[in-house]
């Protein structure tokens, strides 16, 4: 494997790990905010929870710091994916 390919794969792997970490933290956040079982199979309730997560103070001011950490993880994952795509086009495609 060539150096540019390893760099690209490294950034893609980091992005995937950040995305999985954000997903896990989101599940923990939802469990703490609605312990009565709102994480069921109802798509409408799940959509409402996601919209509340994306809005400021959707879960109240006491949950805002944790909500920001969850959103920051998703933002970092998207940034790493975008950077990996840029690297894919910028790095030379020389067979190793």
C-alpha atoms as a PDB file:
ATOM      1  CA  UNK A   1       0.000   0.000   0.000  1.00  0.00           C
ATOM      2  CA  UNK A   2       1.209   3.437  -0.834  1.00  0.00           C
ATOM      3  CA  UNK A   3       1.576   6.321   1.593  1.00  0.00           C
ATOM      4  CA  UNK A   4      -1.278   8.439   0.209  1.00  0.00           C
ATOM      5  CA  UNK A   5      -3.641   5.475   0.379  1.00  0.00           C
ATOM      6  CA  UNK A   6      -2.735   4.844   4.021  1.00  0.00           C
ATOM      7  CA  UNK A   7      -3.290   8.517   4.857  1.00  0.00           C
ATOM      8  CA  UNK A   8      -6.707   8.442   3.187  1.00  0.00           C
ATOM      9  CA  UNK A   9      -7.731   5.213   4.934  1.00  0.00           C
ATOM     10  CA  UNK A  10      -6.527   6.565   8.283  1.00  0.00           C
ATOM     11  CA  UNK A  11      -8.757   9.628   8.017  1.00  0.00           C
ATOM     12  CA  UNK A  12     -11.716   7.529   6.880  1.00  0.00           C
ATOM     13  CA  UNK A  13     -11.227   5.167   9.826  1.00  0.00           C
ATOM     14  CA  UNK A  14     -11.005   8.075  12.276  1.00  0.00           C
ATOM     15  CA  UNK A  15     -14.191   9.541  10.831  1.00  0.00           C
ATOM     16  CA  UNK A  16     -15.978   6.216  11.213  1.00  0.00           C
ATOM     17  CA  UNK A  17     -14.796   5.866  14.811  1.00  0.00           C
ATOM     18  CA  UNK A  18     -15.998   9.374  15.612  1.00  0.00           C
ATOM     19  CA  UNK A  19     -19.352   8.602  14.024  1.00  0.00           C
ATOM     20  CA  UNK A  20     -19.756   5.439  16.101  1.00  0.00           C
ATOM     21  CA  UNK A  21     -18.753   7.332  19.261  1.00  0.00           C
ATOM     22  CA  UNK A  22     -21.301  10.065  18.484  1.00  0.00           C
ATOM     23  CA  UNK A  23     -24.004   7.460  17.887  1.00  0.00           C
ATOM     24  CA  UNK A  24     -23.250   5.741  21.204  1.00  0.00           C
ATOM     25  CA  UNK A  25     -23.209   9.034  23.072  1.00  0.00           C
ATOM     26  CA  UNK A  26     -26.505   9.980  21.434  1.00  0.00           C
ATOM     27  CA  UNK A  27     -28.112   6.785  22.682  1.00  0.00           C
ATOM     28  CA  UNK A  28     -26.817   7.446  26.198  1.00  0.00           C
ATOM     29  CA  UNK A  29     -28.051  11.042  25.996  1.00  0.00           C
ATOM     30  CA  UNK A  30     -31.521   9.950  24.876  1.00  0.00           C
ATOM     31  CA  UNK A  31     -31.643   7.318  27.616  1.00  0.00           C
ATOM     32  CA  UNK A  32     -30.868   9.954  30.264  1.00  0.00           C
ATOM     33  CA  UNK A  33     -33.342  12.474  28.874  1.00  0.00           C
ATOM     34  CA  UNK A  34     -36.308  10.159  28.365  1.00  0.00           C
ATOM     35  CA  UNK A  35     -35.981   7.100  30.591  1.00  0.00           C
ATOM     36  CA  UNK A  36     -39.645   6.157  30.127  1.00  0.00           C
ATOM     37  CA  UNK A  37     -38.838   4.250  26.952  1.00  0.00           C
ATOM     38  CA  UNK A  38     -39.006   6.820  24.165  1.00  0.00           C
ATOM     39  CA  UNK A  39     -36.272   4.892  22.379  1.00  0.00           C
ATOM     40  CA  UNK A  40     -38.822   2.388  21.133  1.00  0.00           C
ATOM     41  CA  UNK A  41     -39.655   1.585  17.561  1.00  0.00           C
ATOM     42  CA  UNK A  42     -41.910   4.563  16.897  1.00  0.00           C
ATOM     43  CA  UNK A  43     -40.356   6.522  14.030  1.00  0.00           C
ATOM     44  CA  UNK A  44     -42.312   9.679  14.772  1.00  0.00           C
ATOM     45  CA  UNK A  45     -41.101   9.819  18.372  1.00  0.00           C
ATOM     46  CA  UNK A  46     -37.554   9.048  17.255  1.00  0.00           C
ATOM     47  CA  UNK A  47     -37.719  11.870  14.720  1.00  0.00           C
ATOM     48  CA  UNK A  48     -38.989  14.254  17.391  1.00  0.00           C
ATOM     49  CA  UNK A  49     -36.082  13.291  19.661  1.00  0.00           C
ATOM     50  CA  UNK A  50     -33.566  13.935  16.856  1.00  0.00           C
ATOM     51  CA  UNK A  51     -35.125  17.332  16.095  1.00  0.00           C
ATOM     52  CA  UNK A  52     -34.970  18.231  19.770  1.00  0.00           C
ATOM     53  CA  UNK A  53     -31.325  17.165  19.830  1.00  0.00           C
ATOM     54  CA  UNK A  54     -30.476  19.444  16.923  1.00  0.00           C
ATOM     55  CA  UNK A  55     -32.221  22.492  18.419  1.00  0.00           C
ATOM     56  CA  UNK A  56     -30.749  24.656  21.125  1.00  0.00           C
ATOM     57  CA  UNK A  57     -32.304  24.064  24.531  1.00  0.00           C
ATOM     58  CA  UNK A  58     -34.420  21.276  23.081  1.00  0.00           C
ATOM     59  CA  UNK A  59     -33.962  19.322  26.302  1.00  0.00           C
ATOM     60  CA  UNK A  60     -33.651  22.313  28.607  1.00  0.00           C
ATOM     61  CA  UNK A  61     -30.690  24.306  29.855  1.00  0.00           C
ATOM     62  CA  UNK A  62     -29.476  21.576  32.222  1.00  0.00           C
ATOM     63  CA  UNK A  63     -28.893  19.155  29.320  1.00  0.00           C
ATOM     64  CA  UNK A  64     -27.295  21.721  27.013  1.00  0.00           C
ATOM     65  CA  UNK A  65     -23.599  20.912  27.744  1.00  0.00           C
ATOM     66  CA  UNK A  66     -24.085  17.213  27.014  1.00  0.00           C
ATOM     67  CA  UNK A  67     -26.141  18.004  23.900  1.00  0.00           C
ATOM     68  CA  UNK A  68     -23.323  20.226  22.618  1.00  0.00           C
ATOM     69  CA  UNK A  69     -20.787  17.440  23.137  1.00  0.00           C
ATOM     70  CA  UNK A  70     -22.926  15.048  21.104  1.00  0.00           C
ATOM     71  CA  UNK A  71     -23.337  17.567  18.279  1.00  0.00           C
ATOM     72  CA  UNK A  72     -19.598  18.339  18.380  1.00  0.00           C
ATOM     73  CA  UNK A  73     -18.782  14.664  17.849  1.00  0.00           C
ATOM     74  CA  UNK A  74     -21.064  14.527  14.808  1.00  0.00           C
ATOM     75  CA  UNK A  75     -19.476  17.714  13.459  1.00  0.00           C
ATOM     76  CA  UNK A  76     -15.972  16.302  13.896  1.00  0.00           C
ATOM     77  CA  UNK A  77     -16.965  13.095  12.135  1.00  0.00           C
ATOM     78  CA  UNK A  78     -18.389  15.024   9.181  1.00  0.00           C
ATOM     79  CA  UNK A  79     -15.268  17.194   9.044  1.00  0.00           C
ATOM     80  CA  UNK A  80     -13.009  14.117   8.980  1.00  0.00           C
ATOM     81  CA  UNK A  81     -15.106  12.549   6.218  1.00  0.00           C
ATOM     82  CA  UNK A  82     -14.923  15.762   4.188  1.00  0.00           C
ATOM     83  CA  UNK A  83     -11.162  16.006   4.718  1.00  0.00           C
ATOM     84  CA  UNK A  84     -10.738  12.368   3.653  1.00  0.00           C
ATOM     85  CA  UNK A  85     -12.679  13.049   0.439  1.00  0.00           C
ATOM     86  CA  UNK A  86     -10.470  16.065  -0.254  1.00  0.00           C
ATOM     87  CA  UNK A  87      -7.387  13.921   0.373  1.00  0.00           C
ATOM     88  CA  UNK A  88      -8.738  11.311  -2.032  1.00  0.00           C
ATOM     89  CA  UNK A  89      -8.720  13.854  -4.846  1.00  0.00           C
ATOM     90  CA  UNK A  90      -5.601  15.779  -3.832  1.00  0.00           C
ATOM     91  CA  UNK A  91      -3.120  13.019  -2.979  1.00  0.00           C
ATOM     92  CA  UNK A  92      -1.324  11.443  -5.907  1.00  0.00           C
ATOM     93  CA  UNK A  93      -2.692   8.116  -7.040  1.00  0.00           C
ATOM     94  CA  UNK A  94       0.638   6.381  -7.524  1.00  0.00           C
ATOM     95  CA  UNK A  95       0.473   2.608  -7.182  1.00  0.00           C
ATOM     96  CA  UNK A  96       2.655   1.441  -4.340  1.00  0.00           C
END
